[in-house]
Every structure is written in structure tokens, then in C-alpha cells.
Amino acid sequence: AYRISATMIHNVVTMCNGMVGASGSVSVQEFTRVCDRVDAEAEAALSGVFAQHRSWVMAMAYVAALGRDDVPVKTCWDLSQAAGLTRPRPFQSLIGECEWDHHRLWDGIAGWASRVLTCPADDRLGPGIAVDETAQAKRGVHTAGVGVQYAGFAGATINCVTSVVASLVTPGASTWVANDLFLQ
């Protein structure tokens, strides 16, 4: 599975210790134990999405590389280098050739989130669902779902792609639980 590096742990601990008014600490061993538990829970919740374990491992490396701030351009080549791979083929294969059901992935994420993201007992509202549509301006016609449509950020009808995201929201955290491309 994807492993947290010592540098990443040091960066997180440094950030936490550098917060104004923050108190408390966590050992590297405890932080690693928690990360291992989260990895195991994620794998249990989402393991049936991919036919092979190695595809799951590659998907986790891909997601980790996507989330890195030091990778400004998110091509398979740049992401594979960020993940420590020598060539982009494993990520290209994951995206283009591996058979997996994204609906099953979203179902697994939603189920896991509903178990993990809970509300305090005195919260009368309980968890909520937030729905957001986000448009991205596009110049050409080569992106899936691109077309002339209204984009809120532009306040006008422009050439764009619109995604609709549903998130599970609690007082302590939130996460995406569904995502779809709006097709005209």
C-alpha cells in the first residue's frame, strides 16, 4: 500500500507544532500507526473496486501524487515522477486500460465516510449533504463534456466543463461522496 514517508511525517508534525495556540504532540510511531489504520480501512472499504491488488496500490499512488502541491501540472508523466516511478506507463494503464467501476468506488467512499464522519450526540441537525457545481473554462472541444453553457464564476455563457459534487458534511470534517460530469 501507499506508505507515508518520514519526510511527510516530519512536515506534518512541524506544521502542528508551529500552530499558534496549539498544544499536544504525537510520536512518529503513533502517527504511523494511525496512517496504517486509515490505509487498512480505506482498502477494506474500496478493495472490491479493482480486480487486482496492484491496481489498488497504483491507484493510491496516483491519488497521493494528485494531491501534492509541488506538482503544478498534473500529466501522467509529472504525476508518475512525483510518485517515484521512472515512466508514466503505470498511471496511463490505470486510467486507460484497467477495468474498474467508478460508481462502486463512490459507493465505497460514501459508505466509509458515513461510518467515519459522525456528529456529536448533541448535534440536532446531524450530518448534511452539500451539493456544488463547478465550471472550468475550456478553449477547445477535446475535453469530455465541454460545451457552451452557463458558468457561475464567469456570470455568463462560456465554453466550459461543469462538474457536480456531493459532499458529506459534519461539524468536524467533510468529504466528497459523489461526483459526476454535467453533460448537456
N, C-alpha and C. Protein backbone atom coordinates (compact mmCIF):
# COMPACT_ATOMS: atom_id res chain seq x y z
N ALA A 1 0.83 -1.18 0.00
CA ALA A 1 0.00 0.00 0.00
C ALA A 1 0.87 1.24 0.00
N TYR A 2 0.27 2.35 -0.29
CA TYR A 2 0.99 3.62 -0.29
C TYR A 2 1.44 3.92 1.13
N ARG A 3 2.70 4.26 1.29
CA ARG A 3 3.27 4.49 2.61
C ARG A 3 3.59 5.97 2.82
N ILE A 4 3.40 6.43 4.02
CA ILE A 4 3.76 7.78 4.42
C ILE A 4 5.27 7.81 4.66
N SER A 5 5.97 8.77 4.08
CA SER A 5 7.42 8.85 4.26
C SER A 5 7.75 9.61 5.54
N ALA A 6 8.97 9.41 6.01
CA ALA A 6 9.43 10.10 7.22
C ALA A 6 9.42 11.61 7.00
N THR A 7 9.74 12.06 5.79
CA THR A 7 9.72 13.50 5.50
C THR A 7 8.31 14.05 5.63
N MET A 8 7.31 13.31 5.12
CA MET A 8 5.93 13.76 5.22
C MET A 8 5.51 13.84 6.69
N ILE A 9 5.90 12.87 7.50
CA ILE A 9 5.56 12.88 8.93
C ILE A 9 6.22 14.08 9.60
N HIS A 10 7.49 14.32 9.29
CA HIS A 10 8.19 15.46 9.87
C HIS A 10 7.48 16.77 9.51
N ASN A 11 7.07 16.89 8.25
CA ASN A 11 6.38 18.11 7.80
C ASN A 11 5.06 18.31 8.55
N VAL A 12 4.29 17.25 8.74
CA VAL A 12 3.02 17.35 9.45
C VAL A 12 3.25 17.71 10.91
N VAL A 13 4.19 17.04 11.56
CA VAL A 13 4.47 17.32 12.97
C VAL A 13 4.98 18.75 13.12
N THR A 14 5.83 19.21 12.19
CA THR A 14 6.34 20.58 12.23
C THR A 14 5.19 21.57 12.09
N MET A 15 4.27 21.31 11.14
CA MET A 15 3.13 22.20 10.95
C MET A 15 2.28 22.26 12.22
N CYS A 16 2.01 21.11 12.82
CA CYS A 16 1.18 21.07 14.02
C CYS A 16 1.87 21.78 15.18
N ASN A 17 3.15 21.55 15.36
CA ASN A 17 3.87 22.17 16.45
C ASN A 17 4.04 23.67 16.24
N GLY A 18 4.00 24.13 14.99
CA GLY A 18 4.18 25.54 14.69
C GLY A 18 2.90 26.35 14.77
N MET A 19 1.76 25.71 15.03
CA MET A 19 0.48 26.42 15.09
C MET A 19 0.40 27.26 16.35
N VAL A 20 -0.07 28.46 16.21
CA VAL A 20 -0.23 29.35 17.36
C VAL A 20 -1.37 28.83 18.23
N GLY A 21 -1.10 28.68 19.51
CA GLY A 21 -2.13 28.23 20.43
C GLY A 21 -2.37 26.74 20.43
N ALA A 22 -1.64 25.98 19.61
CA ALA A 22 -1.83 24.53 19.57
C ALA A 22 -1.01 23.89 20.67
N SER A 23 -1.54 22.84 21.23
CA SER A 23 -0.79 22.13 22.24
C SER A 23 -0.96 20.64 21.99
N GLY A 24 0.00 19.89 22.45
CA GLY A 24 -0.04 18.45 22.27
C GLY A 24 1.00 18.02 21.26
N SER A 25 1.26 16.74 21.25
CA SER A 25 2.23 16.21 20.30
C SER A 25 1.85 14.78 19.98
N VAL A 26 2.47 14.27 18.96
CA VAL A 26 2.24 12.89 18.56
C VAL A 26 3.59 12.30 18.16
N SER A 27 3.82 11.07 18.56
CA SER A 27 5.08 10.42 18.20
C SER A 27 4.99 9.96 16.75
N VAL A 28 6.14 9.77 16.16
CA VAL A 28 6.19 9.27 14.79
C VAL A 28 5.55 7.88 14.73
N GLN A 29 5.77 7.08 15.75
CA GLN A 29 5.20 5.74 15.77
C GLN A 29 3.67 5.78 15.84
N GLU A 30 3.13 6.68 16.68
CA GLU A 30 1.68 6.80 16.81
C GLU A 30 1.07 7.33 15.50
N PHE A 31 1.72 8.32 14.91
CA PHE A 31 1.24 8.87 13.64
C PHE A 31 1.25 7.79 12.56
N THR A 32 2.32 7.00 12.50
CA THR A 32 2.42 5.91 11.54
C THR A 32 1.33 4.87 11.78
N ARG A 33 1.06 4.57 13.07
CA ARG A 33 0.02 3.59 13.40
C ARG A 33 -1.35 4.08 12.91
N VAL A 34 -1.64 5.36 13.12
CA VAL A 34 -2.92 5.92 12.67
C VAL A 34 -3.00 5.88 11.15
N CYS A 35 -1.92 6.26 10.47
CA CYS A 35 -1.91 6.22 9.00
C CYS A 35 -2.13 4.79 8.49
N ASP A 36 -1.49 3.82 9.13
CA ASP A 36 -1.67 2.42 8.75
C ASP A 36 -3.13 1.98 8.93
N ARG A 37 -3.75 2.42 10.04
CA ARG A 37 -5.16 2.07 10.29
C ARG A 37 -6.07 2.69 9.23
N VAL A 38 -5.82 3.95 8.88
CA VAL A 38 -6.63 4.60 7.85
C VAL A 38 -6.43 3.91 6.50
N ASP A 39 -5.18 3.57 6.16
CA ASP A 39 -4.92 2.84 4.92
C ASP A 39 -5.68 1.51 4.89
N ALA A 40 -5.67 0.79 6.01
CA ALA A 40 -6.35 -0.50 6.08
C ALA A 40 -7.87 -0.33 5.95
N GLU A 41 -8.42 0.70 6.59
CA GLU A 41 -9.87 0.96 6.46
C GLU A 41 -10.24 1.34 5.02
N ALA A 42 -9.41 2.16 4.40
CA ALA A 42 -9.67 2.56 3.02
C ALA A 42 -9.62 1.34 2.10
N GLU A 43 -8.62 0.51 2.31
CA GLU A 43 -8.51 -0.69 1.47
C GLU A 43 -9.69 -1.62 1.68
N ALA A 44 -10.13 -1.79 2.92
CA ALA A 44 -11.29 -2.65 3.19
C ALA A 44 -12.55 -2.09 2.53
N ALA A 45 -12.72 -0.77 2.59
CA ALA A 45 -13.92 -0.14 2.03
C ALA A 45 -13.92 -0.14 0.51
N LEU A 46 -12.74 -0.07 -0.09
CA LEU A 46 -12.67 0.13 -1.54
C LEU A 46 -11.98 -1.01 -2.28
N SER A 47 -11.64 -2.09 -1.60
CA SER A 47 -10.85 -3.15 -2.21
C SER A 47 -11.55 -3.85 -3.37
N GLY A 48 -12.86 -3.92 -3.35
CA GLY A 48 -13.56 -4.61 -4.42
C GLY A 48 -13.65 -3.84 -5.72
N VAL A 49 -13.17 -2.60 -5.74
CA VAL A 49 -13.26 -1.78 -6.95
C VAL A 49 -12.33 -2.30 -8.03
N PHE A 50 -11.14 -2.72 -7.64
CA PHE A 50 -10.14 -3.20 -8.60
C PHE A 50 -10.01 -4.71 -8.52
N ALA A 51 -9.79 -5.34 -9.66
CA ALA A 51 -9.67 -6.79 -9.72
C ALA A 51 -8.36 -7.27 -9.09
N GLN A 52 -7.30 -6.47 -9.16
CA GLN A 52 -6.00 -6.87 -8.64
C GLN A 52 -5.52 -5.88 -7.59
N HIS A 53 -4.83 -6.42 -6.58
CA HIS A 53 -4.30 -5.58 -5.51
C HIS A 53 -3.31 -4.56 -6.04
N ARG A 54 -2.50 -4.93 -7.02
CA ARG A 54 -1.50 -3.99 -7.55
C ARG A 54 -2.16 -2.79 -8.23
N SER A 55 -3.36 -2.98 -8.77
CA SER A 55 -4.09 -1.84 -9.35
C SER A 55 -4.52 -0.89 -8.24
N TRP A 56 -4.94 -1.45 -7.10
CA TRP A 56 -5.31 -0.65 -5.93
C TRP A 56 -4.10 0.16 -5.45
N VAL A 57 -2.94 -0.46 -5.35
CA VAL A 57 -1.72 0.22 -4.90
C VAL A 57 -1.38 1.36 -5.86
N MET A 58 -1.49 1.11 -7.16
CA MET A 58 -1.17 2.14 -8.15
C MET A 58 -2.20 3.28 -8.08
N ALA A 59 -3.46 2.96 -7.84
CA ALA A 59 -4.49 4.00 -7.70
C ALA A 59 -4.21 4.88 -6.49
N MET A 60 -3.77 4.29 -5.38
CA MET A 60 -3.47 5.07 -4.19
C MET A 60 -2.25 5.98 -4.43
N ALA A 61 -1.25 5.48 -5.17
CA ALA A 61 -0.09 6.30 -5.51
C ALA A 61 -0.50 7.45 -6.43
N TYR A 62 -1.42 7.18 -7.34
CA TYR A 62 -1.92 8.21 -8.26
C TYR A 62 -2.65 9.31 -7.49
N VAL A 63 -3.53 8.91 -6.57
CA VAL A 63 -4.28 9.87 -5.77
C VAL A 63 -3.33 10.70 -4.90
N ALA A 64 -2.34 10.06 -4.31
CA ALA A 64 -1.37 10.78 -3.48
C ALA A 64 -0.61 11.81 -4.32
N ALA A 65 -0.22 11.44 -5.53
CA ALA A 65 0.50 12.38 -6.41
C ALA A 65 -0.41 13.52 -6.85
N LEU A 66 -1.68 13.22 -7.11
CA LEU A 66 -2.63 14.27 -7.48
C LEU A 66 -2.77 15.33 -6.40
N GLY A 67 -2.69 14.92 -5.15
CA GLY A 67 -2.87 15.83 -4.03
C GLY A 67 -1.63 16.64 -3.67
N ARG A 68 -0.52 16.40 -4.34
CA ARG A 68 0.71 17.12 -3.99
C ARG A 68 0.71 18.53 -4.56
N ASP A 69 1.08 19.48 -3.72
CA ASP A 69 1.15 20.88 -4.15
C ASP A 69 2.37 21.16 -5.02
N ASP A 70 3.40 20.33 -4.92
CA ASP A 70 4.62 20.58 -5.67
C ASP A 70 4.57 20.01 -7.09
N VAL A 71 3.40 19.55 -7.52
CA VAL A 71 3.22 19.07 -8.89
C VAL A 71 2.21 20.00 -9.56
N PRO A 72 2.70 21.09 -10.19
CA PRO A 72 1.77 22.09 -10.73
C PRO A 72 1.00 21.61 -11.96
N VAL A 73 1.63 20.77 -12.79
CA VAL A 73 0.97 20.25 -13.99
C VAL A 73 0.68 18.78 -13.74
N LYS A 74 -0.58 18.39 -13.86
CA LYS A 74 -1.00 17.04 -13.47
C LYS A 74 -1.09 16.11 -14.68
N THR A 75 0.00 15.95 -15.44
CA THR A 75 0.04 14.97 -16.51
C THR A 75 0.49 13.63 -15.92
N CYS A 76 0.26 12.54 -16.64
CA CYS A 76 0.70 11.24 -16.15
C CYS A 76 2.22 11.22 -15.95
N TRP A 77 2.95 11.93 -16.82
CA TRP A 77 4.41 11.95 -16.68
C TRP A 77 4.81 12.65 -15.38
N ASP A 78 4.25 13.84 -15.13
CA ASP A 78 4.58 14.59 -13.91
C ASP A 78 4.14 13.84 -12.66
N LEU A 79 2.95 13.25 -12.70
CA LEU A 79 2.44 12.52 -11.54
C LEU A 79 3.28 11.28 -11.26
N SER A 80 3.69 10.58 -12.32
CA SER A 80 4.50 9.37 -12.12
C SER A 80 5.86 9.73 -11.53
N GLN A 81 6.45 10.84 -11.98
CA GLN A 81 7.73 11.26 -11.39
C GLN A 81 7.54 11.61 -9.92
N ALA A 82 6.46 12.29 -9.59
CA ALA A 82 6.18 12.64 -8.19
C ALA A 82 5.98 11.40 -7.33
N ALA A 83 5.46 10.33 -7.93
CA ALA A 83 5.22 9.08 -7.20
C ALA A 83 6.46 8.19 -7.15
N GLY A 84 7.56 8.64 -7.78
CA GLY A 84 8.79 7.87 -7.75
C GLY A 84 8.89 6.82 -8.84
N LEU A 85 8.04 6.91 -9.84
CA LEU A 85 8.10 5.96 -10.96
C LEU A 85 9.04 6.50 -12.03
N THR A 86 9.62 5.60 -12.81
CA THR A 86 10.57 6.03 -13.84
C THR A 86 9.90 6.32 -15.18
N ARG A 87 8.64 5.92 -15.32
CA ARG A 87 7.92 6.17 -16.57
C ARG A 87 6.43 6.33 -16.28
N PRO A 88 5.69 6.94 -17.20
CA PRO A 88 4.27 7.21 -16.94
C PRO A 88 3.35 6.02 -17.23
N ARG A 89 3.84 4.96 -17.81
CA ARG A 89 3.01 3.84 -18.26
C ARG A 89 2.10 3.26 -17.17
N PRO A 90 2.57 3.07 -15.92
CA PRO A 90 1.65 2.51 -14.92
C PRO A 90 0.40 3.36 -14.68
N PHE A 91 0.56 4.68 -14.65
CA PHE A 91 -0.60 5.55 -14.46
C PHE A 91 -1.46 5.60 -15.72
N GLN A 92 -0.83 5.58 -16.89
CA GLN A 92 -1.60 5.56 -18.14
C GLN A 92 -2.43 4.29 -18.23
N SER A 93 -1.85 3.17 -17.81
CA SER A 93 -2.56 1.90 -17.81
C SER A 93 -3.73 1.93 -16.82
N LEU A 94 -3.49 2.50 -15.64
CA LEU A 94 -4.53 2.61 -14.62
C LEU A 94 -5.73 3.37 -15.17
N ILE A 95 -5.47 4.48 -15.83
CA ILE A 95 -6.55 5.33 -16.34
C ILE A 95 -7.21 4.75 -17.59
N GLY A 96 -6.40 4.25 -18.51
CA GLY A 96 -6.93 3.86 -19.81
C GLY A 96 -7.27 2.40 -20.02
N GLU A 97 -6.65 1.50 -19.25
CA GLU A 97 -6.82 0.08 -19.55
C GLU A 97 -7.43 -0.75 -18.41
N CYS A 98 -7.15 -0.37 -17.18
CA CYS A 98 -7.70 -1.14 -16.05
C CYS A 98 -9.22 -1.00 -16.04
N GLU A 99 -9.88 -2.10 -15.79
CA GLU A 99 -11.34 -2.07 -15.72
C GLU A 99 -11.76 -1.93 -14.26
N TRP A 100 -12.47 -0.86 -13.97
CA TRP A 100 -13.00 -0.62 -12.63
C TRP A 100 -14.22 0.24 -12.75
N ASP A 101 -15.10 0.08 -11.80
CA ASP A 101 -16.39 0.76 -11.82
C ASP A 101 -16.34 1.97 -10.90
N HIS A 102 -16.36 3.17 -11.47
CA HIS A 102 -16.28 4.37 -10.64
C HIS A 102 -17.50 4.53 -9.75
N HIS A 103 -18.64 3.99 -10.14
CA HIS A 103 -19.83 4.05 -9.27
C HIS A 103 -19.59 3.22 -8.00
N ARG A 104 -18.95 2.09 -8.15
CA ARG A 104 -18.63 1.24 -7.00
C ARG A 104 -17.63 1.95 -6.08
N LEU A 105 -16.69 2.68 -6.69
CA LEU A 105 -15.73 3.45 -5.90
C LEU A 105 -16.43 4.53 -5.08
N TRP A 106 -17.33 5.29 -5.71
CA TRP A 106 -18.07 6.34 -4.99
C TRP A 106 -18.96 5.73 -3.91
N ASP A 107 -19.57 4.58 -4.18
CA ASP A 107 -20.38 3.91 -3.16
C ASP A 107 -19.53 3.52 -1.96
N GLY A 108 -18.31 3.03 -2.23
CA GLY A 108 -17.41 2.66 -1.14
C GLY A 108 -16.98 3.86 -0.32
N ILE A 109 -16.68 4.96 -1.00
CA ILE A 109 -16.29 6.19 -0.31
C ILE A 109 -17.45 6.71 0.54
N ALA A 110 -18.65 6.72 -0.04
CA ALA A 110 -19.82 7.21 0.71
C ALA A 110 -20.10 6.35 1.93
N GLY A 111 -20.01 5.03 1.79
CA GLY A 111 -20.25 4.13 2.92
C GLY A 111 -19.21 4.31 4.00
N TRP A 112 -17.95 4.42 3.60
CA TRP A 112 -16.86 4.61 4.56
C TRP A 112 -17.02 5.95 5.27
N ALA A 113 -17.32 7.00 4.50
CA ALA A 113 -17.49 8.34 5.09
C ALA A 113 -18.63 8.37 6.09
N SER A 114 -19.73 7.68 5.78
CA SER A 114 -20.88 7.70 6.70
C SER A 114 -20.56 6.98 8.00
N ARG A 115 -19.64 6.02 7.98
CA ARG A 115 -19.23 5.34 9.21
C ARG A 115 -18.22 6.16 10.00
N VAL A 116 -17.33 6.87 9.30
CA VAL A 116 -16.22 7.55 9.96
C VAL A 116 -16.57 8.98 10.37
N LEU A 117 -17.28 9.71 9.52
CA LEU A 117 -17.61 11.11 9.81
C LEU A 117 -18.92 11.17 10.57
N THR A 118 -18.82 11.18 11.85
CA THR A 118 -20.01 11.20 12.69
C THR A 118 -20.16 12.56 13.36
N CYS A 119 -21.33 12.79 13.88
CA CYS A 119 -21.63 14.04 14.58
C CYS A 119 -21.72 13.78 16.08
N PRO A 120 -21.47 14.82 16.88
CA PRO A 120 -21.65 14.67 18.32
C PRO A 120 -23.11 14.33 18.65
N ALA A 121 -23.33 13.66 19.76
CA ALA A 121 -24.68 13.24 20.14
C ALA A 121 -25.63 14.43 20.32
N ASP A 122 -25.10 15.58 20.72
CA ASP A 122 -25.97 16.75 20.94
C ASP A 122 -26.21 17.58 19.67
N ASP A 123 -25.70 17.14 18.54
CA ASP A 123 -25.91 17.86 17.28
C ASP A 123 -27.29 17.50 16.75
N ARG A 124 -28.23 18.43 16.82
CA ARG A 124 -29.62 18.14 16.43
C ARG A 124 -29.79 18.02 14.92
N LEU A 125 -28.92 18.63 14.15
CA LEU A 125 -29.04 18.54 12.69
C LEU A 125 -28.45 17.26 12.12
N GLY A 126 -27.36 16.79 12.69
CA GLY A 126 -26.70 15.60 12.18
C GLY A 126 -25.91 15.92 10.93
N PRO A 127 -25.40 14.90 10.25
CA PRO A 127 -24.61 15.14 9.04
C PRO A 127 -25.49 15.72 7.93
N GLY A 128 -24.85 16.42 7.02
CA GLY A 128 -25.58 17.01 5.90
C GLY A 128 -24.91 16.69 4.58
N ILE A 129 -25.62 16.98 3.53
CA ILE A 129 -25.08 16.81 2.18
C ILE A 129 -24.99 18.19 1.54
N ALA A 130 -23.82 18.54 1.03
CA ALA A 130 -23.64 19.79 0.30
C ALA A 130 -23.43 19.45 -1.17
N VAL A 131 -24.13 20.13 -2.05
CA VAL A 131 -24.01 19.91 -3.49
C VAL A 131 -23.42 21.16 -4.12
N ASP A 132 -22.42 20.97 -4.95
CA ASP A 132 -21.73 22.09 -5.59
C ASP A 132 -21.50 21.79 -7.06
N GLU A 133 -21.78 22.77 -7.89
CA GLU A 133 -21.41 22.63 -9.30
C GLU A 133 -20.29 23.61 -9.57
N THR A 134 -19.28 23.11 -10.26
CA THR A 134 -18.11 23.91 -10.54
C THR A 134 -17.81 23.84 -12.03
N ALA A 135 -17.62 24.99 -12.63
CA ALA A 135 -17.31 25.05 -14.06
C ALA A 135 -15.84 25.40 -14.25
N GLN A 136 -15.26 24.85 -15.29
CA GLN A 136 -13.89 25.17 -15.67
C GLN A 136 -13.91 25.63 -17.11
N ALA A 137 -13.38 26.82 -17.37
CA ALA A 137 -13.34 27.35 -18.74
C ALA A 137 -12.42 26.49 -19.59
N LYS A 138 -12.83 26.25 -20.82
CA LYS A 138 -12.03 25.47 -21.78
C LYS A 138 -11.97 26.23 -23.09
N ARG A 139 -10.85 26.07 -23.80
CA ARG A 139 -10.69 26.76 -25.08
C ARG A 139 -11.15 25.91 -26.25
N GLY A 140 -10.89 24.63 -26.21
CA GLY A 140 -11.19 23.77 -27.35
C GLY A 140 -12.41 22.91 -27.13
N VAL A 141 -12.49 21.83 -27.90
CA VAL A 141 -13.63 20.91 -27.80
C VAL A 141 -13.16 19.48 -27.50
N HIS A 142 -11.90 19.32 -27.09
CA HIS A 142 -11.33 17.99 -26.93
C HIS A 142 -11.49 17.39 -25.54
N THR A 143 -12.05 18.11 -24.60
CA THR A 143 -12.29 17.60 -23.25
C THR A 143 -13.70 17.04 -23.18
N ALA A 144 -13.86 15.89 -22.49
CA ALA A 144 -15.19 15.30 -22.35
C ALA A 144 -16.13 16.27 -21.66
N GLY A 145 -17.33 16.44 -22.20
CA GLY A 145 -18.35 17.27 -21.60
C GLY A 145 -18.23 18.76 -21.87
N VAL A 146 -17.24 19.18 -22.66
CA VAL A 146 -17.07 20.60 -22.91
C VAL A 146 -18.17 21.11 -23.84
N GLY A 147 -18.62 22.31 -23.58
CA GLY A 147 -19.64 22.93 -24.43
C GLY A 147 -19.96 24.32 -23.92
N VAL A 148 -20.73 25.03 -24.70
CA VAL A 148 -21.13 26.38 -24.31
C VAL A 148 -22.29 26.25 -23.33
N GLN A 149 -22.07 26.72 -22.11
CA GLN A 149 -23.07 26.63 -21.05
C GLN A 149 -22.81 27.72 -20.02
N TYR A 150 -23.77 27.94 -19.15
CA TYR A 150 -23.62 28.98 -18.14
C TYR A 150 -22.59 28.56 -17.10
N ALA A 151 -21.69 29.47 -16.74
CA ALA A 151 -20.70 29.24 -15.70
C ALA A 151 -20.84 30.35 -14.67
N GLY A 152 -21.15 29.99 -13.44
CA GLY A 152 -21.37 30.97 -12.39
C GLY A 152 -20.17 31.88 -12.14
N PHE A 153 -18.95 31.33 -12.22
CA PHE A 153 -17.77 32.15 -11.95
C PHE A 153 -17.61 33.24 -12.99
N ALA A 154 -18.07 32.98 -14.21
CA ALA A 154 -17.95 33.97 -15.29
C ALA A 154 -19.18 34.87 -15.35
N GLY A 155 -20.29 34.41 -14.79
CA GLY A 155 -21.53 35.19 -14.85
C GLY A 155 -22.09 35.27 -16.25
N ALA A 156 -21.71 34.31 -17.08
CA ALA A 156 -22.15 34.33 -18.48
C ALA A 156 -22.10 32.92 -19.05
N THR A 157 -22.55 32.79 -20.28
CA THR A 157 -22.48 31.53 -21.01
C THR A 157 -21.12 31.50 -21.72
N ILE A 158 -20.32 30.48 -21.40
CA ILE A 158 -18.99 30.35 -22.00
C ILE A 158 -18.73 28.89 -22.34
N ASN A 159 -17.64 28.63 -23.03
CA ASN A 159 -17.20 27.27 -23.34
C ASN A 159 -16.56 26.70 -22.07
N CYS A 160 -17.16 25.67 -21.49
CA CYS A 160 -16.64 25.14 -20.22
C CYS A 160 -17.06 23.70 -20.00
N VAL A 161 -16.54 23.13 -18.93
CA VAL A 161 -16.91 21.80 -18.42
C VAL A 161 -17.48 22.03 -17.03
N THR A 162 -18.59 21.38 -16.70
CA THR A 162 -19.20 21.54 -15.39
C THR A 162 -19.25 20.21 -14.67
N SER A 163 -18.72 20.20 -13.45
CA SER A 163 -18.77 19.02 -12.58
C SER A 163 -19.74 19.30 -11.44
N VAL A 164 -20.45 18.28 -11.02
CA VAL A 164 -21.35 18.38 -9.87
C VAL A 164 -20.83 17.42 -8.81
N VAL A 165 -20.62 17.96 -7.59
CA VAL A 165 -20.04 17.19 -6.50
C VAL A 165 -20.99 17.21 -5.31
N ALA A 166 -21.17 16.05 -4.68
CA ALA A 166 -21.93 15.96 -3.43
C ALA A 166 -20.93 15.61 -2.33
N SER A 167 -21.04 16.31 -1.20
CA SER A 167 -20.14 16.07 -0.07
C SER A 167 -20.94 15.76 1.18
N LEU A 168 -20.43 14.84 1.98
CA LEU A 168 -20.98 14.58 3.31
C LEU A 168 -20.29 15.56 4.25
N VAL A 169 -21.08 16.32 5.01
CA VAL A 169 -20.53 17.38 5.86
C VAL A 169 -20.96 17.16 7.30
N THR A 170 -19.97 17.19 8.20
CA THR A 170 -20.21 17.13 9.64
C THR A 170 -19.49 18.32 10.27
N PRO A 171 -19.74 18.60 11.56
CA PRO A 171 -19.03 19.73 12.19
C PRO A 171 -17.51 19.57 12.19
N GLY A 172 -17.03 18.34 12.18
CA GLY A 172 -15.58 18.12 12.26
C GLY A 172 -14.87 17.93 10.94
N ALA A 173 -15.57 17.51 9.89
CA ALA A 173 -14.91 17.19 8.62
C ALA A 173 -15.94 17.07 7.51
N SER A 174 -15.43 16.97 6.32
CA SER A 174 -16.30 16.71 5.17
C SER A 174 -15.50 15.96 4.11
N THR A 175 -16.19 15.29 3.21
CA THR A 175 -15.53 14.59 2.12
C THR A 175 -16.49 14.44 0.95
N TRP A 176 -15.92 14.34 -0.23
CA TRP A 176 -16.75 14.07 -1.40
C TRP A 176 -17.33 12.67 -1.27
N VAL A 177 -18.59 12.51 -1.66
CA VAL A 177 -19.20 11.18 -1.67
C VAL A 177 -19.78 10.84 -3.04
N ALA A 178 -19.83 11.80 -3.94
CA ALA A 178 -20.29 11.54 -5.30
C ALA A 178 -19.81 12.67 -6.19
N ASN A 179 -19.58 12.36 -7.45
CA ASN A 179 -19.10 13.34 -8.40
C ASN A 179 -19.56 12.89 -9.79
N ASP A 180 -20.01 13.82 -10.58
CA ASP A 180 -20.42 13.48 -11.94
C ASP A 180 -20.19 14.67 -12.85
N LEU A 181 -19.96 14.37 -14.09
CA LEU A 181 -19.77 15.39 -15.11
C LEU A 181 -21.13 15.77 -15.67
N PHE A 182 -21.42 17.06 -15.72
CA PHE A 182 -22.69 17.51 -16.30
C PHE A 182 -22.54 17.46 -17.81
N LEU A 183 -23.38 16.68 -18.43
CA LEU A 183 -23.38 16.60 -19.90
C LEU A 183 -24.64 17.28 -20.42
N GLN A 184 -24.44 18.15 -21.39
CA GLN A 184 -25.56 18.92 -21.94
C GLN A 184 -26.54 18.04 -22.69
